[in-house]
Every structure is written in C-alpha cells, then in structure tokens.
Protein backbone atom coordinates (compact mmCIF):
# COMPACT_ATOMS: atom_id res chain seq x y z
CA UNK A 1 207.07 -77.55 201.00
CA UNK A 2 203.92 -79.21 199.74
CA UNK A 3 202.94 -80.24 203.12
CA UNK A 4 203.31 -76.84 204.38
CA UNK A 5 201.00 -75.44 201.52
CA UNK A 6 198.45 -78.11 202.45
CA UNK A 7 198.46 -77.10 206.18
CA UNK A 8 198.06 -73.62 205.19
CA UNK A 9 195.06 -74.40 203.12
CA UNK A 10 193.61 -76.48 206.03
CA UNK A 11 194.14 -73.76 208.38
CA UNK A 12 192.49 -71.32 206.06
CA UNK A 13 189.41 -73.61 205.87
CA UNK A 14 189.20 -73.88 209.80
CA UNK A 15 189.45 -69.96 210.02
CA UNK A 16 186.70 -69.58 207.41
CA UNK A 17 184.44 -71.95 209.27
CA UNK A 18 184.91 -70.33 212.55
CA UNK A 19 184.21 -67.00 211.01
CA UNK A 20 181.02 -68.49 209.44
CA UNK A 21 180.17 -70.07 212.74
CA UNK A 22 180.56 -66.85 214.42
CA UNK A 23 178.53 -64.85 212.04
CA UNK A 24 175.89 -67.42 210.62
CA UNK A 25 173.20 -65.04 209.45
CA UNK A 26 175.78 -62.73 207.77
CA UNK A 27 177.34 -65.87 205.97
CA UNK A 28 173.93 -67.28 204.90
CA UNK A 29 172.86 -63.76 203.69
CA UNK A 30 176.18 -63.25 201.81
CA UNK A 31 175.98 -66.69 200.09
CA UNK A 32 172.36 -66.01 198.97
CA UNK A 33 173.17 -62.67 197.57
CA UNK A 34 175.91 -63.85 195.55
CA UNK A 35 173.44 -66.37 193.90
CA UNK A 36 171.38 -63.59 192.91
CA UNK A 37 171.65 -62.84 189.16
CA UNK A 38 170.77 -59.09 189.68
CA UNK A 39 173.81 -58.50 191.62
CA UNK A 40 175.75 -59.73 188.85
CA UNK A 41 173.69 -57.54 186.50
CA UNK A 42 174.64 -54.65 188.58
CA UNK A 43 178.30 -55.48 188.51
CA UNK A 44 178.07 -55.76 184.79
CA UNK A 45 176.51 -52.30 184.57
CA UNK A 46 179.35 -50.77 186.80
CA UNK A 47 181.93 -52.36 184.45
CA UNK A 48 180.28 -51.30 181.26
CA UNK A 49 179.92 -47.70 182.38
CA UNK A 50 183.42 -47.40 183.64
CA UNK A 51 185.15 -48.91 180.60
CA UNK A 52 182.98 -46.68 178.48
CA UNK A 53 185.74 -44.02 179.03
CA UNK A 54 188.47 -46.59 178.09
CA UNK A 55 186.67 -47.18 174.74
CA UNK A 56 186.40 -43.13 174.19
CA UNK A 57 190.13 -42.71 175.01
CA UNK A 58 191.10 -45.64 172.65
CA UNK A 59 189.19 -44.47 169.57
CA UNK A 60 189.00 -40.71 170.27
CA UNK A 61 192.18 -39.76 172.51
CA UNK A 62 191.65 -36.08 172.01
CA UNK A 63 188.28 -36.25 173.68
CA UNK A 64 189.34 -36.90 177.33
CA UNK A 65 192.15 -36.18 179.77
CA UNK A 66 195.35 -37.40 178.86
CA UNK A 67 195.92 -39.31 182.02
CA UNK A 68 195.13 -42.95 180.72
CA UNK A 69 194.68 -45.22 183.31
CA UNK A 70 194.17 -42.46 185.89
CA UNK A 71 191.11 -41.14 183.92
CA UNK A 72 189.58 -44.60 183.76
CA UNK A 73 190.01 -45.03 187.55
CA UNK A 74 188.16 -41.70 188.12
CA UNK A 75 185.44 -42.78 185.58
CA UNK A 76 184.81 -45.81 187.71
CA UNK A 77 184.49 -43.64 190.67
CA UNK A 78 181.74 -41.63 188.56
CA UNK A 79 180.05 -44.92 187.56
CA UNK A 80 179.57 -45.84 191.36
CA UNK A 81 178.27 -42.42 191.99
CA UNK A 82 175.67 -42.67 189.37
CA UNK A 83 174.68 -46.45 189.45
CA UNK A 84 176.03 -47.70 192.85
CA UNK A 85 173.79 -45.44 194.66
CA UNK A 86 170.63 -47.16 193.10
CA UNK A 87 172.42 -50.60 193.60
CA UNK A 88 172.88 -50.07 197.18
CA UNK A 89 169.46 -48.50 198.03
CA UNK A 90 167.85 -51.41 196.27
CA UNK A 91 170.08 -53.83 198.03
CA UNK A 92 169.32 -52.29 201.57
CA UNK A 93 165.59 -51.16 201.51
CA UNK A 94 164.03 -54.46 202.30
CA UNK A 95 166.87 -55.86 204.66
CA UNK A 96 164.53 -55.52 207.76
CA UNK A 97 161.06 -54.80 206.39
CA UNK A 98 161.13 -57.83 204.05
CA UNK A 99 161.70 -60.03 207.07
CA UNK A 100 158.84 -58.17 208.97
CA UNK A 101 156.54 -58.77 206.09
CA UNK A 102 157.25 -62.44 205.88
CA UNK A 103 157.27 -62.91 209.66
CA UNK A 104 160.81 -64.37 209.43
CA UNK A 105 162.24 -61.93 211.85
CA UNK A 106 160.34 -63.40 214.73
CA UNK A 107 161.78 -66.65 214.04
CA UNK A 108 165.26 -65.25 213.95
CA UNK A 109 164.96 -63.31 217.01
CA UNK A 110 163.70 -66.52 218.84
CA UNK A 111 167.16 -67.93 218.30
CA UNK A 112 170.13 -66.58 220.23
CA UNK A 113 170.06 -63.26 218.20
CA UNK A 114 169.80 -59.80 219.79
CA UNK A 115 168.32 -57.17 217.74
CA UNK A 116 171.53 -55.48 217.40
CA UNK A 117 173.21 -58.76 216.32
CA UNK A 118 170.35 -59.17 213.74
CA UNK A 119 170.69 -55.85 212.15
CA UNK A 120 174.57 -55.95 212.42
CA UNK A 121 174.78 -59.43 210.57
CA UNK A 122 172.21 -58.45 207.87
CA UNK A 123 173.99 -55.48 207.06
CA UNK A 124 177.51 -57.25 207.12
CA UNK A 125 176.24 -59.99 204.57
CA UNK A 126 174.79 -57.39 202.33
CA UNK A 127 177.89 -55.23 202.61
CA UNK A 128 180.35 -58.15 201.71
CA UNK A 129 178.24 -59.21 198.77
CA UNK A 130 177.84 -55.63 197.51
CA UNK A 131 181.62 -54.93 197.92
CA UNK A 132 182.64 -58.23 196.20
CA UNK A 133 180.70 -57.61 193.21
CA UNK A 134 181.50 -54.09 192.79
CA UNK A 135 185.17 -54.70 193.38
CA UNK A 136 185.34 -57.54 190.86
CA UNK A 137 183.84 -55.37 188.07
CA UNK A 138 186.20 -52.27 189.00
CA UNK A 139 189.45 -54.33 189.50
CA UNK A 140 188.63 -56.14 186.10
CA UNK A 141 188.21 -52.56 184.51
CA UNK A 142 191.46 -51.61 186.10
CA UNK A 143 193.10 -54.67 184.53
CA UNK A 144 191.94 -53.81 181.11
CA UNK A 145 193.00 -50.24 181.47
CA UNK A 146 196.50 -51.43 182.43
CA UNK A 147 196.67 -53.30 179.08
CA UNK A 148 195.51 -50.33 177.04
CA UNK A 149 197.30 -47.64 178.83
CA UNK A 150 199.78 -48.88 181.08
CA UNK A 151 199.86 -49.49 184.63
CA UNK A 152 197.48 -47.18 186.84
CA UNK A 153 198.87 -45.14 189.72
CA UNK A 154 198.92 -47.69 192.37
CA UNK A 155 198.10 -45.62 195.74
CA UNK A 156 195.24 -43.57 193.96
CA UNK A 157 193.82 -46.72 192.60
CA UNK A 158 193.76 -48.49 196.01
CA UNK A 159 192.44 -45.29 197.65
CA UNK A 160 189.72 -44.79 195.11
CA UNK A 161 188.61 -48.49 195.37
CA UNK A 162 188.41 -47.93 199.28
CA UNK A 163 186.39 -44.66 198.95
CA UNK A 164 184.01 -46.08 196.65
CA UNK A 165 183.15 -49.08 198.45
CA UNK A 166 182.81 -46.69 201.43
CA UNK A 167 180.50 -44.62 199.58
CA UNK A 168 178.30 -47.80 198.70
CA UNK A 169 178.06 -48.60 202.48
CA UNK A 170 176.97 -44.95 203.19
CA UNK A 171 173.97 -45.52 200.78
CA UNK A 172 173.36 -49.06 201.94
CA UNK A 173 173.52 -47.81 205.58
CA UNK A 174 170.80 -44.99 204.63
CA UNK A 175 168.64 -47.79 203.11
CA UNK A 176 169.11 -50.17 205.96
CA UNK A 177 168.24 -47.34 208.34
CA UNK A 178 164.76 -46.50 206.72
CA UNK A 179 164.12 -50.34 206.64
CA UNK A 180 164.56 -50.18 210.37
CA UNK A 181 162.41 -47.14 210.80
CA UNK A 182 159.20 -47.98 208.65
CA UNK A 183 156.97 -50.75 208.42
CA UNK A 184 156.91 -51.62 204.57
CA UNK A 185 159.50 -51.92 201.89
CA UNK A 186 157.49 -49.54 199.63
CA UNK A 187 158.15 -46.72 202.43
CA UNK A 188 161.72 -47.99 202.90
CA UNK A 189 162.81 -47.59 199.21
CA UNK A 190 161.17 -44.23 198.96
CA UNK A 191 163.53 -42.58 201.44
CA UNK A 192 167.03 -43.18 199.83
CA UNK A 193 165.36 -42.78 196.24
CA UNK A 194 164.14 -39.36 197.32
CA UNK A 195 167.48 -38.43 198.69
CA UNK A 196 169.27 -39.60 195.49
CA UNK A 197 166.81 -37.64 193.42
CA UNK A 198 167.15 -34.79 195.86
CA UNK A 199 170.88 -34.33 194.78
CA UNK A 200 169.77 -32.71 191.53
CA UNK A 201 167.59 -30.08 193.43
CA UNK A 202 170.01 -29.98 196.71
CA UNK A 203 171.71 -26.80 195.62
CA UNK A 204 168.43 -24.86 195.06
CA UNK A 205 167.14 -26.05 198.31
CA UNK A 206 170.11 -24.87 200.15
CA UNK A 207 170.05 -21.44 198.46
CA UNK A 208 166.40 -21.11 199.66
CA UNK A 209 167.42 -21.88 203.09
CA UNK A 210 170.40 -19.69 203.22
CA UNK A 211 168.47 -16.83 201.42
CA UNK A 212 165.86 -17.28 204.02
CA UNK A 213 168.23 -16.78 207.00
CA UNK A 214 170.03 -13.88 205.48
CA UNK A 215 173.39 -15.90 204.84
CA UNK A 216 175.00 -14.50 201.55
CA UNK A 217 178.57 -16.05 202.14
CA UNK A 218 179.91 -17.74 199.20
CA UNK A 219 182.06 -20.03 201.36
CA UNK A 220 178.91 -20.95 203.48
CA UNK A 221 176.97 -21.84 200.41
CA UNK A 222 179.61 -24.11 199.07
CA UNK A 223 179.88 -25.80 202.40
CA UNK A 224 175.88 -26.36 202.47
CA UNK A 225 176.10 -27.78 198.81
CA UNK A 226 178.84 -30.49 200.18
CA UNK A 227 176.67 -31.56 202.87
CA UNK A 228 174.92 -33.76 200.14
CA UNK A 229 176.64 -37.12 199.98
CA UNK A 230 177.33 -37.31 196.39
CA UNK A 231 179.13 -33.87 196.42
CA UNK A 232 181.13 -34.95 199.46
CA UNK A 233 182.03 -38.12 197.71
CA UNK A 234 183.34 -36.04 194.52
CA UNK A 235 185.38 -33.78 196.67
CA UNK A 236 187.00 -36.76 198.47
CA UNK A 237 187.75 -38.63 195.01
CA UNK A 238 189.40 -35.32 193.76
CA UNK A 239 191.43 -34.99 196.80
CA UNK A 240 192.79 -38.67 196.17
CA UNK A 241 193.72 -37.68 192.78
CA UNK A 242 195.46 -34.49 193.97
CA UNK A 243 193.15 -32.41 191.85
CA UNK A 244 191.94 -28.90 192.77
CA UNK A 245 189.30 -28.63 195.70
CA UNK A 246 186.11 -28.88 193.91
CA UNK A 247 182.66 -30.89 194.15
CA UNK A 248 182.73 -31.45 190.32
CA UNK A 249 183.00 -35.13 189.23
CA UNK A 250 186.68 -36.33 188.77
CA UNK A 251 186.61 -37.12 185.07
CA UNK A 252 185.05 -33.77 184.20
CA UNK A 253 187.50 -31.98 186.35
CA UNK A 254 190.27 -33.76 184.88
CA UNK A 255 189.25 -32.74 181.50
CA UNK A 256 189.73 -29.02 182.56
CA UNK A 257 193.16 -29.57 184.04
CA UNK A 258 196.18 -28.48 181.74
CA UNK A 259 198.27 -31.62 180.86
CA UNK A 260 201.09 -30.17 183.06
CA UNK A 261 198.60 -29.70 185.98
CA UNK A 262 199.09 -26.05 186.12
CA UNK A 263 196.14 -24.34 184.46
CA UNK A 264 192.64 -24.68 185.54
CA UNK A 265 189.95 -23.72 183.04
CA UNK A 266 186.81 -25.04 184.65
CA UNK A 267 184.40 -23.80 187.25
CA UNK A 268 183.55 -24.75 190.75
CA UNK A 269 187.37 -24.47 191.99
CA UNK A 270 186.96 -23.28 195.67
CA UNK A 271 190.16 -21.27 195.40
CA UNK A 272 188.90 -19.41 192.51
CA UNK A 273 185.55 -18.76 194.15
CA UNK A 274 186.55 -17.75 197.72
CA UNK A 275 190.47 -17.09 197.55
CA UNK A 276 191.62 -18.32 200.96
CA UNK A 277 190.08 -21.77 201.58
CA UNK A 278 188.26 -21.77 205.01
CA UNK A 279 188.79 -24.87 207.11
CA UNK A 280 185.23 -26.12 206.63
CA UNK A 281 185.86 -26.45 202.94
CA UNK A 282 188.87 -28.66 203.28
CA UNK A 283 188.82 -31.85 201.61
CA UNK A 284 188.89 -33.78 204.93
CA UNK A 285 185.69 -32.37 206.04
CA UNK A 286 183.86 -33.69 203.11
CA UNK A 287 185.22 -37.23 203.92
CA UNK A 288 183.98 -36.70 207.60
CA UNK A 289 180.57 -35.76 206.16
CA UNK A 290 180.61 -39.07 204.21
CA UNK A 291 181.29 -40.90 207.60
CA UNK A 292 178.53 -39.29 209.27
CA UNK A 293 175.85 -39.96 206.67
CA UNK A 294 176.93 -43.55 206.88
CA UNK A 295 176.70 -43.86 210.84
CA UNK A 296 174.20 -41.30 212.22
CA UNK A 297 171.02 -42.36 210.29
CA UNK A 298 171.66 -46.15 211.25
CA UNK A 299 172.21 -45.30 214.92
CA UNK A 300 169.12 -43.15 215.09
CA UNK A 301 167.04 -45.81 213.26
CA UNK A 302 168.35 -48.47 215.59
CA UNK A 303 167.42 -46.60 218.64
CA UNK A 304 163.81 -46.64 217.28
CA UNK A 305 163.90 -50.39 216.08
CA UNK A 306 165.24 -51.58 219.54
CA UNK A 307 161.90 -50.38 221.19
CA UNK A 308 159.57 -51.18 218.46
CA UNK A 309 157.00 -53.96 219.03
CA UNK A 310 157.50 -56.36 216.22
CA UNK A 311 155.45 -59.24 217.48
C-alpha cells in the first residue's frame, strides 16, 4: 500500500514536470506572482470583505437574510464584484506592455514562442495565480461560515466559486486585451478602470442612447443595463441561488426575500417590471454576455497585436 502511494506521488511529480515543461512561460509567471505579497494582500481583502457578512449575522442576526451560510457565500460573490475587478485589472494591465517597455518581449519571441503562445501563456500564468489566491480566500471563508452556521448548500457554493473565478477572468481578459492594444501600461490600466467606473453611469448612458433612438420599451432598457459585465454577473449569481430574475446584488436581493421564499419586497425584479419575461432577459443570456466580454475583446486585440511591429 505504501509502495502504491509512493508511486502515485512520483507519477504526480512527473506529470507536473511535464506540464511545466510544456508551458514554461506560464509556469514561471505563476510562480513569480505567488511570491508577490500584493497578491496575498488582495486575497486578504477578499476574505475580510466576505467574512464581514458572517460577523454581521453573528452579532446582529436580524440585520440580514436568515440563510446563514448561503448568505455568506453570496457576500463573497459581492466582494469579488467590488474588489476582484480591481485586482484582475491591476494584474493584467501590464502583461504585455510591461514586457514591451523593458524590451523583454523581444527576447522571449526569439525563443520558440509564437505571439499567440506568448499571450496565451502569460494570460494562463496570471489566471492561475489569481484564481489560486481568490479561491483560497473564498474557501477559507466558506469553511468558517460552516462552523458558524452549518454546512452551506454544496452545489450553489461550487457554482458560485466557478462563476466568480470566471468573472475575474473576464476582467483579466479585458485588461490583457488593452495591454496588447496600446503601447504603455498607463494607457492599458485606463481602459478597464474606466469601464469599472462606468458601471455607475452605465444606466444613464444607456437611457440617453435609447431615448435618442426613440426606444421606450422597459424590457429593452433592462437588457441594455445587463450588457454591463457586473450587472450580468449579478443576474448569473442570483440564478445560481434560485433567486428572482434581477440584476440586484445577491446579498441585497436575499434581504428582500421572505423567509419562506414566496414574497418579494424589493425592486428591480424583472417579472414585476415587465410581466411576461422575454427571452433576452433570461438569466442564461446574462451568462452568455459574460462569456462574450471575456473572449471578444481579447480576440480583437490579438488581431492587432499579431501584426504590430514590436521590434
């Protein structure tokens, strides 16, 4: 039995070495980022923000949704929305521009690395580091909430963990895309930060555009609001928790749900605003919007990067 365990461990080592050899740039980038203390500071901020809900429920149970661990899971999803965007943007904005400024990219591309392999491995290494730190912070919070309130609903917990990591990759992809499209890191960070800040003004901008083209449908307005990544993320998280179709953040929406799950008191519930819900306001459409935000900017930016002179 011990011999079998030893052989399995040795096989795992060989497999890891094989992966590291196949993706050397991603492996090196991943290891370097995990040594960065700011990454762990980011993870600590996510942990503190998420566990703030547990502290509030513990000392003031009447203040929040009586869902215990489920509420804490939803609050971690909120923490990712608030702080994860900034973390992913800061992590990705200099992926390419940083190497261009230092001249390192020319040395890397002299090795057997195509431009696509270079971008893919840089993004892969950064993604793994970001997901590792965020998952550790979140899972630690889930474990503590289990001690305080009992086991969380397993399937929603796993699904939220997957969706929130995917949301981080959306913003990392946007930051990486701008890093490929511009020449300096200062310009690269400006785009995702501007998009992040525009979330607060997105509704007004969409209202102005729709008013200008004469569109007055409430359903169309709601769809336009949900094209913003953070609102699409909120809808997807609410869908996981089987909450009403809304772009309101899950913790806030939970506080407006009757303990029996039957009475909705709060605003921004699609069924209350439009009656019969059209297909384009379905939750799966918002999930698709997230996928498009995570892929289209990257592909468009790479088309430009692939033909740009970096010599």
